[in-house]
Amino acid sequence: MEDDINKSSAVKERKVKGKVEIDVQKCKGCELCISACKEHALSLSDSINIKGYRYIISNNDVCNGCVNCALVCPDAVITVYRTHPKKKPVDITPTDIREQLQSIVGPSK
């Protein structure tokens, strides 16, 4: 049982991360997106919006950007953005770049 708790509390290393934005004033709180989210990144808020509905809130720390929530939303109030972890820049400049440029431009006078 303790192993299950440790596994669920451990943060997964993901290649793609997601960010969910919800228009809370238009959300009716139907909870279809909660059912569709396999990462359990969505939940129902304790507050109500201007229309009197409890709206959906997101935990973007666990979102993987799968867009299932946006696909099932009947009112299209969910937008999902995917982000990739920053890759280290790789220097692709040839070591003999000066010589190559000199040969293209020609000898300076």
PDB file of N, CA and C in Angstrom:
ATOM      1  N   MET A   1       0.828  -1.189   0.000  1.00  0.00           N
ATOM      2  CA  MET A   1       0.000   0.000   0.000  1.00  0.00           C
ATOM      3  C   MET A   1       0.870   1.250   0.000  1.00  0.00           C
ATOM      4  N   GLU A   2       1.947   1.224   0.792  1.00  0.00           N
ATOM      5  CA  GLU A   2       2.826   2.380   0.878  1.00  0.00           C
ATOM      6  C   GLU A   2       3.537   2.633  -0.448  1.00  0.00           C
ATOM      7  N   ASP A   3       3.846   1.557  -1.187  1.00  0.00           N
ATOM      8  CA  ASP A   3       4.479   1.702  -2.493  1.00  0.00           C
ATOM      9  C   ASP A   3       3.563   2.416  -3.468  1.00  0.00           C
ATOM     10  N   ASP A   4       2.252   2.145  -3.392  1.00  0.00           N
ATOM     11  CA  ASP A   4       1.288   2.813  -4.265  1.00  0.00           C
ATOM     12  C   ASP A   4       1.261   4.313  -3.994  1.00  0.00           C
ATOM     13  N   ILE A   5       1.356   4.694  -2.732  1.00  0.00           N
ATOM     14  CA  ILE A   5       1.349   6.112  -2.377  1.00  0.00           C
ATOM     15  C   ILE A   5       2.601   6.791  -2.918  1.00  0.00           C
ATOM     16  N   ASN A   6       3.742   6.134  -2.774  1.00  0.00           N
ATOM     17  CA  ASN A   6       4.989   6.713  -3.269  1.00  0.00           C
ATOM     18  C   ASN A   6       4.986   6.851  -4.783  1.00  0.00           C
ATOM     19  N   LYS A   7       4.392   5.884  -5.480  1.00  0.00           N
ATOM     20  CA  LYS A   7       4.338   5.943  -6.934  1.00  0.00           C
ATOM     21  C   LYS A   7       3.450   7.075  -7.410  1.00  0.00           C
ATOM     22  N   SER A   8       2.315   7.277  -6.751  1.00  0.00           N
ATOM     23  CA  SER A   8       1.386   8.319  -7.192  1.00  0.00           C
ATOM     24  C   SER A   8       1.883   9.703  -6.838  1.00  0.00           C
ATOM     25  N   SER A   9       2.666   9.838  -5.784  1.00  0.00           N
ATOM     26  CA  SER A   9       3.149  11.157  -5.398  1.00  0.00           C
ATOM     27  C   SER A   9       4.416  11.548  -6.157  1.00  0.00           C
ATOM     28  N   ALA A  10       5.069  10.594  -6.789  1.00  0.00           N
ATOM     29  CA  ALA A  10       6.269  10.896  -7.555  1.00  0.00           C
ATOM     30  C   ALA A  10       5.888  11.640  -8.832  1.00  0.00           C
ATOM     31  N   VAL A  11       6.677  12.656  -9.155  1.00  0.00           N
ATOM     32  CA  VAL A  11       6.410  13.441 -10.355  1.00  0.00           C
ATOM     33  C   VAL A  11       6.948  12.694 -11.565  1.00  0.00           C
ATOM     34  N   LYS A  12       6.112  12.553 -12.582  1.00  0.00           N
ATOM     35  CA  LYS A  12       6.525  11.859 -13.792  1.00  0.00           C
ATOM     36  C   LYS A  12       7.371  12.783 -14.655  1.00  0.00           C
ATOM     37  N   GLU A  13       8.400  12.221 -15.259  1.00  0.00           N
ATOM     38  CA  GLU A  13       9.176  12.956 -16.252  1.00  0.00           C
ATOM     39  C   GLU A  13       8.449  12.833 -17.572  1.00  0.00           C
ATOM     40  N   ARG A  14       8.033  13.935 -18.118  1.00  0.00           N
ATOM     41  CA  ARG A  14       7.274  13.902 -19.361  1.00  0.00           C
ATOM     42  C   ARG A  14       8.037  14.625 -20.453  1.00  0.00           C
ATOM     43  N   LYS A  15       7.925  14.105 -21.669  1.00  0.00           N
ATOM     44  CA  LYS A  15       8.551  14.769 -22.802  1.00  0.00           C
ATOM     45  C   LYS A  15       7.753  15.982 -23.219  1.00  0.00           C
ATOM     46  N   VAL A  16       6.438  15.903 -23.088  1.00  0.00           N
ATOM     47  CA  VAL A  16       5.565  17.010 -23.460  1.00  0.00           C
ATOM     48  C   VAL A  16       4.733  17.380 -22.244  1.00  0.00           C
ATOM     49  N   LYS A  17       4.645  18.653 -21.980  1.00  0.00           N
ATOM     50  CA  LYS A  17       3.823  19.130 -20.876  1.00  0.00           C
ATOM     51  C   LYS A  17       2.672  19.932 -21.450  1.00  0.00           C
ATOM     52  N   GLY A  18       1.633  20.060 -20.675  1.00  0.00           N
ATOM     53  CA  GLY A  18       0.467  20.784 -21.141  1.00  0.00           C
ATOM     54  C   GLY A  18       0.060  21.887 -20.203  1.00  0.00           C
ATOM     55  N   LYS A  19      -0.673  22.824 -20.762  1.00  0.00           N
ATOM     56  CA  LYS A  19      -1.237  23.916 -19.974  1.00  0.00           C
ATOM     57  C   LYS A  19      -2.689  24.052 -20.398  1.00  0.00           C
ATOM     58  N   VAL A  20      -3.600  23.910 -19.442  1.00  0.00           N
ATOM     59  CA  VAL A  20      -5.021  23.984 -19.726  1.00  0.00           C
ATOM     60  C   VAL A  20      -5.541  25.347 -19.300  1.00  0.00           C
ATOM     61  N   GLU A  21      -6.249  26.005 -20.211  1.00  0.00           N
ATOM     62  CA  GLU A  21      -6.920  27.265 -19.884  1.00  0.00           C
ATOM     63  C   GLU A  21      -8.409  27.050 -20.056  1.00  0.00           C
ATOM     64  N   ILE A  22      -9.173  27.469 -19.048  1.00  0.00           N
ATOM     65  CA  ILE A  22     -10.616  27.280 -19.046  1.00  0.00           C
ATOM     66  C   ILE A  22     -11.292  28.629 -18.889  1.00  0.00           C
ATOM     67  N   ASP A  23     -12.267  28.905 -19.746  1.00  0.00           N
ATOM     68  CA  ASP A  23     -13.066  30.116 -19.610  1.00  0.00           C
ATOM     69  C   ASP A  23     -14.095  29.833 -18.521  1.00  0.00           C
ATOM     70  N   VAL A  24     -13.754  30.179 -17.283  1.00  0.00           N
ATOM     71  CA  VAL A  24     -14.574  29.785 -16.139  1.00  0.00           C
ATOM     72  C   VAL A  24     -15.950  30.453 -16.146  1.00  0.00           C
ATOM     73  N   GLN A  25     -16.089  31.583 -16.789  1.00  0.00           N
ATOM     74  CA  GLN A  25     -17.391  32.253 -16.824  1.00  0.00           C
ATOM     75  C   GLN A  25     -18.371  31.555 -17.766  1.00  0.00           C
ATOM     76  N   LYS A  26     -17.868  30.769 -18.703  1.00  0.00           N
ATOM     77  CA  LYS A  26     -18.728  30.039 -19.639  1.00  0.00           C
ATOM     78  C   LYS A  26     -18.874  28.562 -19.283  1.00  0.00           C
ATOM     79  N   CYS A  27     -18.053  28.068 -18.362  1.00  0.00           N
ATOM     80  CA  CYS A  27     -18.074  26.647 -17.989  1.00  0.00           C
ATOM     81  C   CYS A  27     -19.333  26.337 -17.180  1.00  0.00           C
ATOM     82  N   LYS A  28     -20.000  25.236 -17.537  1.00  0.00           N
ATOM     83  CA  LYS A  28     -21.212  24.795 -16.834  1.00  0.00           C
ATOM     84  C   LYS A  28     -20.927  23.710 -15.803  1.00  0.00           C
ATOM     85  N   GLY A  29     -19.693  23.267 -15.717  1.00  0.00           N
ATOM     86  CA  GLY A  29     -19.336  22.252 -14.732  1.00  0.00           C
ATOM     87  C   GLY A  29     -19.955  20.898 -14.993  1.00  0.00           C
ATOM     88  N   CYS A  30     -20.068  20.503 -16.249  1.00  0.00           N
ATOM     89  CA  CYS A  30     -20.696  19.223 -16.604  1.00  0.00           C
ATOM     90  C   CYS A  30     -19.836  18.023 -16.215  1.00  0.00           C
ATOM     91  N   GLU A  31     -18.560  18.247 -15.973  1.00  0.00           N
ATOM     92  CA  GLU A  31     -17.595  17.239 -15.518  1.00  0.00           C
ATOM     93  C   GLU A  31     -17.219  16.207 -16.573  1.00  0.00           C
ATOM     94  N   LEU A  32     -17.582  16.414 -17.828  1.00  0.00           N
ATOM     95  CA  LEU A  32     -17.156  15.494 -18.883  1.00  0.00           C
ATOM     96  C   LEU A  32     -15.636  15.510 -19.031  1.00  0.00           C
ATOM     97  N   CYS A  33     -15.037  16.680 -18.891  1.00  0.00           N
ATOM     98  CA  CYS A  33     -13.584  16.786 -19.028  1.00  0.00           C
ATOM     99  C   CYS A  33     -12.853  16.064 -17.896  1.00  0.00           C
ATOM    100  N   ILE A  34     -13.446  16.076 -16.710  1.00  0.00           N
ATOM    101  CA  ILE A  34     -12.831  15.373 -15.578  1.00  0.00           C
ATOM    102  C   ILE A  34     -12.773  13.878 -15.874  1.00  0.00           C
ATOM    103  N   SER A  35     -13.847  13.352 -16.441  1.00  0.00           N
ATOM    104  CA  SER A  35     -13.879  11.927 -16.797  1.00  0.00           C
ATOM    105  C   SER A  35     -12.890  11.595 -17.905  1.00  0.00           C
ATOM    106  N   ALA A  36     -12.675  12.537 -18.822  1.00  0.00           N
ATOM    107  CA  ALA A  36     -11.791  12.302 -19.964  1.00  0.00           C
ATOM    108  C   ALA A  36     -10.317  12.435 -19.609  1.00  0.00           C
ATOM    109  N   CYS A  37     -10.008  13.111 -18.520  1.00  0.00           N
ATOM    110  CA  CYS A  37      -8.609  13.374 -18.152  1.00  0.00           C
ATOM    111  C   CYS A  37      -8.008  12.161 -17.446  1.00  0.00           C
ATOM    112  N   LYS A  38      -7.040  11.523 -18.110  1.00  0.00           N
ATOM    113  CA  LYS A  38      -6.391  10.341 -17.542  1.00  0.00           C
ATOM    114  C   LYS A  38      -5.326  10.697 -16.511  1.00  0.00           C
ATOM    115  N   GLU A  39      -4.885  11.948 -16.531  1.00  0.00           N
ATOM    116  CA  GLU A  39      -3.846  12.394 -15.594  1.00  0.00           C
ATOM    117  C   GLU A  39      -4.439  12.983 -14.311  1.00  0.00           C
ATOM    118  N   HIS A  40      -5.752  13.066 -14.229  1.00  0.00           N
ATOM    119  CA  HIS A  40      -6.452  13.652 -13.073  1.00  0.00           C
ATOM    120  C   HIS A  40      -5.983  15.085 -12.819  1.00  0.00           C
ATOM    121  N   ALA A  41      -5.881  15.859 -13.897  1.00  0.00           N
ATOM    122  CA  ALA A  41      -5.415  17.245 -13.808  1.00  0.00           C
ATOM    123  C   ALA A  41      -6.564  18.229 -13.634  1.00  0.00           C
ATOM    124  N   LEU A  42      -7.799  17.770 -13.721  1.00  0.00           N
ATOM    125  CA  LEU A  42      -8.952  18.657 -13.634  1.00  0.00           C
ATOM    126  C   LEU A  42      -9.814  18.299 -12.432  1.00  0.00           C
ATOM    127  N   SER A  43     -10.426  19.324 -11.852  1.00  0.00           N
ATOM    128  CA  SER A  43     -11.331  19.097 -10.728  1.00  0.00           C
ATOM    129  C   SER A  43     -12.383  20.192 -10.707  1.00  0.00           C
ATOM    130  N   LEU A  44     -13.434  19.957  -9.961  1.00  0.00           N
ATOM    131  CA  LEU A  44     -14.532  20.900  -9.841  1.00  0.00           C
ATOM    132  C   LEU A  44     -14.216  21.879  -8.718  1.00  0.00           C
ATOM    133  N   SER A  45     -14.407  23.153  -8.972  1.00  0.00           N
ATOM    134  CA  SER A  45     -14.077  24.167  -7.968  1.00  0.00           C
ATOM    135  C   SER A  45     -15.150  24.230  -6.887  1.00  0.00           C
ATOM    136  N   ASP A  46     -14.810  24.858  -5.797  1.00  0.00           N
ATOM    137  CA  ASP A  46     -15.778  25.088  -4.728  1.00  0.00           C
ATOM    138  C   ASP A  46     -16.558  26.376  -4.967  1.00  0.00           C
ATOM    139  N   SER A  47     -16.033  27.230  -5.843  1.00  0.00           N
ATOM    140  CA  SER A  47     -16.660  28.518  -6.143  1.00  0.00           C
ATOM    141  C   SER A  47     -17.624  28.378  -7.306  1.00  0.00           C
ATOM    142  N   ILE A  48     -18.439  29.398  -7.512  1.00  0.00           N
ATOM    143  CA  ILE A  48     -19.346  29.407  -8.657  1.00  0.00           C
ATOM    144  C   ILE A  48     -19.006  30.584  -9.567  1.00  0.00           C
ATOM    145  N   ASN A  49     -19.351  30.434 -10.851  1.00  0.00           N
ATOM    146  CA  ASN A  49     -19.104  31.507 -11.805  1.00  0.00           C
ATOM    147  C   ASN A  49     -20.313  32.444 -11.853  1.00  0.00           C
ATOM    148  N   ILE A  50     -20.289  33.381 -12.768  1.00  0.00           N
ATOM    149  CA  ILE A  50     -21.337  34.392 -12.855  1.00  0.00           C
ATOM    150  C   ILE A  50     -22.705  33.796 -13.196  1.00  0.00           C
ATOM    151  N   LYS A  51     -22.704  32.621 -13.834  1.00  0.00           N
ATOM    152  CA  LYS A  51     -23.961  31.956 -14.187  1.00  0.00           C
ATOM    153  C   LYS A  51     -24.476  31.049 -13.072  1.00  0.00           C
ATOM    154  N   GLY A  52     -23.703  30.891 -12.012  1.00  0.00           N
ATOM    155  CA  GLY A  52     -24.131  30.076 -10.886  1.00  0.00           C
ATOM    156  C   GLY A  52     -23.679  28.633 -10.937  1.00  0.00           C
ATOM    157  N   TYR A  53     -22.749  28.306 -11.843  1.00  0.00           N
ATOM    158  CA  TYR A  53     -22.241  26.942 -11.965  1.00  0.00           C
ATOM    159  C   TYR A  53     -20.903  26.809 -11.255  1.00  0.00           C
ATOM    160  N   ARG A  54     -20.664  25.637 -10.686  1.00  0.00           N
ATOM    161  CA  ARG A  54     -19.318  25.315 -10.218  1.00  0.00           C
ATOM    162  C   ARG A  54     -18.501  24.983 -11.462  1.00  0.00           C
ATOM    163  N   TYR A  55     -17.388  25.623 -11.642  1.00  0.00           N
ATOM    164  CA  TYR A  55     -16.578  25.470 -12.847  1.00  0.00           C
ATOM    165  C   TYR A  55     -15.386  24.560 -12.612  1.00  0.00           C
ATOM    166  N   ILE A  56     -14.750  24.181 -13.697  1.00  0.00           N
ATOM    167  CA  ILE A  56     -13.595  23.279 -13.662  1.00  0.00           C
ATOM    168  C   ILE A  56     -12.313  24.086 -13.454  1.00  0.00           C
ATOM    169  N   ILE A  57     -11.421  23.553 -12.636  1.00  0.00           N
ATOM    170  CA  ILE A  57     -10.096  24.147 -12.470  1.00  0.00           C
ATOM    171  C   ILE A  57      -9.054  23.091 -12.844  1.00  0.00           C
ATOM    172  N   SER A  58      -7.891  23.567 -13.255  1.00  0.00           N
ATOM    173  CA  SER A  58      -6.865  22.636 -13.728  1.00  0.00           C
ATOM    174  C   SER A  58      -5.619  22.680 -12.854  1.00  0.00           C
ATOM    175  N   ASN A  59      -4.947  21.550 -12.794  1.00  0.00           N
ATOM    176  CA  ASN A  59      -3.646  21.432 -12.150  1.00  0.00           C
ATOM    177  C   ASN A  59      -2.647  21.190 -13.276  1.00  0.00           C
ATOM    178  N   ASN A  60      -2.044  22.248 -13.776  1.00  0.00           N
ATOM    179  CA  ASN A  60      -1.168  22.150 -14.941  1.00  0.00           C
ATOM    180  C   ASN A  60       0.149  21.436 -14.650  1.00  0.00           C
ATOM    181  N   ASP A  61       0.437  21.171 -13.383  1.00  0.00           N
ATOM    182  CA  ASP A  61       1.667  20.450 -13.049  1.00  0.00           C
ATOM    183  C   ASP A  61       1.624  18.996 -13.500  1.00  0.00           C
ATOM    184  N   VAL A  62       0.431  18.423 -13.609  1.00  0.00           N
ATOM    185  CA  VAL A  62       0.322  17.023 -14.007  1.00  0.00           C
ATOM    186  C   VAL A  62      -0.223  16.848 -15.424  1.00  0.00           C
ATOM    187  N   CYS A  63      -0.585  17.939 -16.079  1.00  0.00           N
ATOM    188  CA  CYS A  63      -1.155  17.868 -17.433  1.00  0.00           C
ATOM    189  C   CYS A  63      -0.085  17.459 -18.444  1.00  0.00           C
ATOM    190  N   ASN A  64      -0.455  16.531 -19.344  1.00  0.00           N
ATOM    191  CA  ASN A  64       0.485  16.121 -20.383  1.00  0.00           C
ATOM    192  C   ASN A  64       0.093  16.649 -21.763  1.00  0.00           C
ATOM    193  N   GLY A  65      -0.939  17.469 -21.842  1.00  0.00           N
ATOM    194  CA  GLY A  65      -1.313  18.092 -23.108  1.00  0.00           C
ATOM    195  C   GLY A  65      -2.018  17.171 -24.078  1.00  0.00           C
ATOM    196  N   CYS A  66      -2.744  16.184 -23.598  1.00  0.00           N
ATOM    197  CA  CYS A  66      -3.380  15.204 -24.487  1.00  0.00           C
ATOM    198  C   CYS A  66      -4.616  15.757 -25.211  1.00  0.00           C
ATOM    199  N   VAL A  67      -5.182  16.833 -24.770  1.00  0.00           N
ATOM    200  CA  VAL A  67      -6.355  17.553 -25.288  1.00  0.00           C
ATOM    201  C   VAL A  67      -7.671  16.769 -25.209  1.00  0.00           C
ATOM    202  N   ASN A  68      -7.714  15.667 -24.475  1.00  0.00           N
ATOM    203  CA  ASN A  68      -8.970  14.936 -24.321  1.00  0.00           C
ATOM    204  C   ASN A  68     -10.054  15.818 -23.708  1.00  0.00           C
ATOM    205  N   CYS A  69      -9.675  16.636 -22.745  1.00  0.00           N
ATOM    206  CA  CYS A  69     -10.648  17.496 -22.078  1.00  0.00           C
ATOM    207  C   CYS A  69     -11.281  18.484 -23.053  1.00  0.00           C
ATOM    208  N   ALA A  70     -10.469  19.075 -23.910  1.00  0.00           N
ATOM    209  CA  ALA A  70     -10.988  20.046 -24.882  1.00  0.00           C
ATOM    210  C   ALA A  70     -11.869  19.375 -25.919  1.00  0.00           C
ATOM    211  N   LEU A  71     -11.559  18.136 -26.270  1.00  0.00           N
ATOM    212  CA  LEU A  71     -12.346  17.429 -27.272  1.00  0.00           C
ATOM    213  C   LEU A  71     -13.747  17.080 -26.781  1.00  0.00           C
ATOM    214  N   VAL A  72     -13.902  16.777 -25.498  1.00  0.00           N
ATOM    215  CA  VAL A  72     -15.213  16.385 -24.990  1.00  0.00           C
ATOM    216  C   VAL A  72     -16.041  17.552 -24.462  1.00  0.00           C
ATOM    217  N   CYS A  73     -15.448  18.727 -24.348  1.00  0.00           N
ATOM    218  CA  CYS A  73     -16.167  19.889 -23.797  1.00  0.00           C
ATOM    219  C   CYS A  73     -17.272  20.327 -24.758  1.00  0.00           C
ATOM    220  N   PRO A  74     -18.542  20.244 -24.346  1.00  0.00           N
ATOM    221  CA  PRO A  74     -19.637  20.591 -25.248  1.00  0.00           C
ATOM    222  C   PRO A  74     -19.726  22.081 -25.554  1.00  0.00           C
ATOM    223  N   ASP A  75     -19.150  22.913 -24.704  1.00  0.00           N
ATOM    224  CA  ASP A  75     -19.221  24.355 -24.910  1.00  0.00           C
ATOM    225  C   ASP A  75     -17.915  24.954 -25.419  1.00  0.00           C
ATOM    226  N   ALA A  76     -16.926  24.133 -25.664  1.00  0.00           N
ATOM    227  CA  ALA A  76     -15.624  24.557 -26.195  1.00  0.00           C
ATOM    228  C   ALA A  76     -15.022  25.696 -25.375  1.00  0.00           C
ATOM    229  N   VAL A  77     -14.984  25.516 -24.059  1.00  0.00           N
ATOM    230  CA  VAL A  77     -14.414  26.543 -23.185  1.00  0.00           C
ATOM    231  C   VAL A  77     -13.012  26.178 -22.707  1.00  0.00           C
ATOM    232  N   ILE A  78     -12.485  25.055 -23.191  1.00  0.00           N
ATOM    233  CA  ILE A  78     -11.166  24.588 -22.766  1.00  0.00           C
ATOM    234  C   ILE A  78     -10.183  24.714 -23.918  1.00  0.00           C
ATOM    235  N   THR A  79      -9.030  25.308 -23.625  1.00  0.00           N
ATOM    236  CA  THR A  79      -7.937  25.412 -24.578  1.00  0.00           C
ATOM    237  C   THR A  79      -6.719  24.753 -23.950  1.00  0.00           C
ATOM    238  N   VAL A  80      -6.038  23.915 -24.718  1.00  0.00           N
ATOM    239  CA  VAL A  80      -4.858  23.213 -24.218  1.00  0.00           C
ATOM    240  C   VAL A  80      -3.657  23.628 -25.043  1.00  0.00           C
ATOM    241  N   TYR A  81      -2.582  23.978 -24.355  1.00  0.00           N
ATOM    242  CA  TYR A  81      -1.318  24.318 -24.998  1.00  0.00           C
ATOM    243  C   TYR A  81      -0.293  23.263 -24.622  1.00  0.00           C
ATOM    244  N   ARG A  82       0.497  22.840 -25.601  1.00  0.00           N
ATOM    245  CA  ARG A  82       1.572  21.877 -25.347  1.00  0.00           C
ATOM    246  C   ARG A  82       2.900  22.608 -25.351  1.00  0.00           C
ATOM    247  N   THR A  83       3.751  22.233 -24.417  1.00  0.00           N
ATOM    248  CA  THR A  83       5.087  22.808 -24.357  1.00  0.00           C
ATOM    249  C   THR A  83       6.093  21.682 -24.287  1.00  0.00           C
ATOM    250  N   HIS A  84       7.210  21.869 -24.921  1.00  0.00           N
ATOM    251  CA  HIS A  84       8.292  20.897 -24.891  1.00  0.00           C
ATOM    252  C   HIS A  84       9.373  21.428 -23.957  1.00  0.00           C
ATOM    253  N   PRO A  85       9.987  20.538 -23.199  1.00  0.00           N
ATOM    254  CA  PRO A  85      11.078  20.994 -22.336  1.00  0.00           C
ATOM    255  C   PRO A  85      12.159  21.672 -23.180  1.00  0.00           C
ATOM    256  N   LYS A  86      12.786  22.648 -22.582  1.00  0.00           N
ATOM    257  CA  LYS A  86      13.812  23.384 -23.318  1.00  0.00           C
ATOM    258  C   LYS A  86      14.988  22.478 -23.646  1.00  0.00           C
ATOM    259  N   LYS A  87      15.328  22.487 -24.902  1.00  0.00           N
ATOM    260  CA  LYS A  87      16.472  21.701 -25.340  1.00  0.00           C
ATOM    261  C   LYS A  87      17.709  22.582 -25.270  1.00  0.00           C
ATOM    262  N   LYS A  88      18.832  21.959 -24.992  1.00  0.00           N
ATOM    263  CA  LYS A  88      20.080  22.703 -24.941  1.00  0.00           C
ATOM    264  C   LYS A  88      20.478  23.087 -26.361  1.00  0.00           C
ATOM    265  N   PRO A  89      20.874  24.349 -26.562  1.00  0.00           N
ATOM    266  CA  PRO A  89      21.287  24.747 -27.902  1.00  0.00           C
ATOM    267  C   PRO A  89      22.571  24.030 -28.307  1.00  0.00           C
ATOM    268  N   VAL A  90      22.621  23.660 -29.551  1.00  0.00           N
ATOM    269  CA  VAL A  90      23.788  22.961 -30.080  1.00  0.00           C
ATOM    270  C   VAL A  90      24.473  23.898 -31.065  1.00  0.00           C
ATOM    271  N   ASP A  91      25.769  24.075 -30.899  1.00  0.00           N
ATOM    272  CA  ASP A  91      26.532  24.940 -31.794  1.00  0.00           C
ATOM    273  C   ASP A  91      26.860  24.148 -33.052  1.00  0.00           C
ATOM    274  N   ILE A  92      26.286  24.576 -34.168  1.00  0.00           N
ATOM    275  CA  ILE A  92      26.507  23.872 -35.426  1.00  0.00           C
ATOM    276  C   ILE A  92      27.430  24.649 -36.363  1.00  0.00           C
ATOM    277  N   THR A  93      28.034  25.695 -35.838  1.00  0.00           N
ATOM    278  CA  THR A  93      28.948  26.495 -36.648  1.00  0.00           C
ATOM    279  C   THR A  93      30.223  25.700 -36.916  1.00  0.00           C
ATOM    280  N   PRO A  94      30.598  25.570 -38.180  1.00  0.00           N
ATOM    281  CA  PRO A  94      31.837  24.851 -38.487  1.00  0.00           C
ATOM    282  C   PRO A  94      33.045  25.586 -37.900  1.00  0.00           C
ATOM    283  N   THR A  95      34.060  24.828 -37.525  1.00  0.00           N
ATOM    284  CA  THR A  95      35.245  25.445 -36.921  1.00  0.00           C
ATOM    285  C   THR A  95      36.030  26.265 -37.932  1.00  0.00           C
ATOM    286  N   ASP A  96      35.923  25.912 -39.213  1.00  0.00           N
ATOM    287  CA  ASP A  96      36.674  26.646 -40.230  1.00  0.00           C
ATOM    288  C   ASP A  96      35.776  27.630 -40.990  1.00  0.00           C
ATOM    289  N   ILE A  97      34.840  28.256 -40.296  1.00  0.00           N
ATOM    290  CA  ILE A  97      33.884  29.154 -40.951  1.00  0.00           C
ATOM    291  C   ILE A  97      34.571  30.351 -41.593  1.00  0.00           C
ATOM    292  N   ARG A  98      35.612  30.881 -40.979  1.00  0.00           N
ATOM    293  CA  ARG A  98      36.315  32.032 -41.562  1.00  0.00           C
ATOM    294  C   ARG A  98      36.942  31.670 -42.902  1.00  0.00           C
ATOM    295  N   GLU A  99      37.546  30.506 -42.960  1.00  0.00           N
ATOM    296  CA  GLU A  99      38.166  30.073 -44.199  1.00  0.00           C
ATOM    297  C   GLU A  99      37.118  29.853 -45.291  1.00  0.00           C
ATOM    298  N   GLN A 100      35.974  29.283 -44.916  1.00  0.00           N
ATOM    299  CA  GLN A 100      34.917  29.051 -45.886  1.00  0.00           C
ATOM    300  C   GLN A 100      34.376  30.371 -46.428  1.00  0.00           C
ATOM    301  N   LEU A 101      34.149  31.320 -45.546  1.00  0.00           N
ATOM    302  CA  LEU A 101      33.658  32.629 -45.990  1.00  0.00           C
ATOM    303  C   LEU A 101      34.687  33.345 -46.848  1.00  0.00           C
ATOM    304  N   GLN A 102      35.943  33.241 -46.453  1.00  0.00           N
ATOM    305  CA  GLN A 102      37.027  33.878 -47.225  1.00  0.00           C
ATOM    306  C   GLN A 102      37.086  33.305 -48.638  1.00  0.00           C
ATOM    307  N   SER A 103      36.878  32.000 -48.770  1.00  0.00           N
ATOM    308  CA  SER A 103      36.946  31.390 -50.099  1.00  0.00           C
ATOM    309  C   SER A 103      35.738  31.795 -50.961  1.00  0.00           C
ATOM    310  N   ILE A 104      34.596  32.052 -50.333  1.00  0.00           N
ATOM    311  CA  ILE A 104      33.405  32.488 -51.074  1.00  0.00           C
ATOM    312  C   ILE A 104      33.541  33.935 -51.507  1.00  0.00           C
ATOM    313  N   VAL A 105      33.957  34.788 -50.582  1.00  0.00           N
ATOM    314  CA  VAL A 105      34.050  36.234 -50.857  1.00  0.00           C
ATOM    315  C   VAL A 105      35.255  36.550 -51.728  1.00  0.00           C
ATOM    316  N   GLY A 106      36.310  35.832 -51.531  1.00  0.00           N
ATOM    317  CA  GLY A 106      37.524  36.086 -52.296  1.00  0.00           C
ATOM    318  C   GLY A 106      38.532  36.823 -51.421  1.00  0.00           C
ATOM    319  N   PRO A 107      39.748  36.919 -51.883  1.00  0.00           N
ATOM    320  CA  PRO A 107      40.783  37.579 -51.079  1.00  0.00           C
ATOM    321  C   PRO A 107      40.490  39.083 -50.939  1.00  0.00           C
ATOM    322  N   SER A 108      40.727  39.604 -49.743  1.00  0.00           N
ATOM    323  CA  SER A 108      40.518  41.037 -49.516  1.00  0.00           C
ATOM    324  C   SER A 108      41.720  41.813 -50.017  1.00  0.00           C
ATOM    325  N   LYS A 109      41.478  43.015 -50.517  1.00  0.00           N
ATOM    326  CA  LYS A 109      42.561  43.828 -51.086  1.00  0.00           C
ATOM    327  C   LYS A 109      42.960  44.939 -50.189  1.00  0.00           C
TER     328      LYS A 109
END
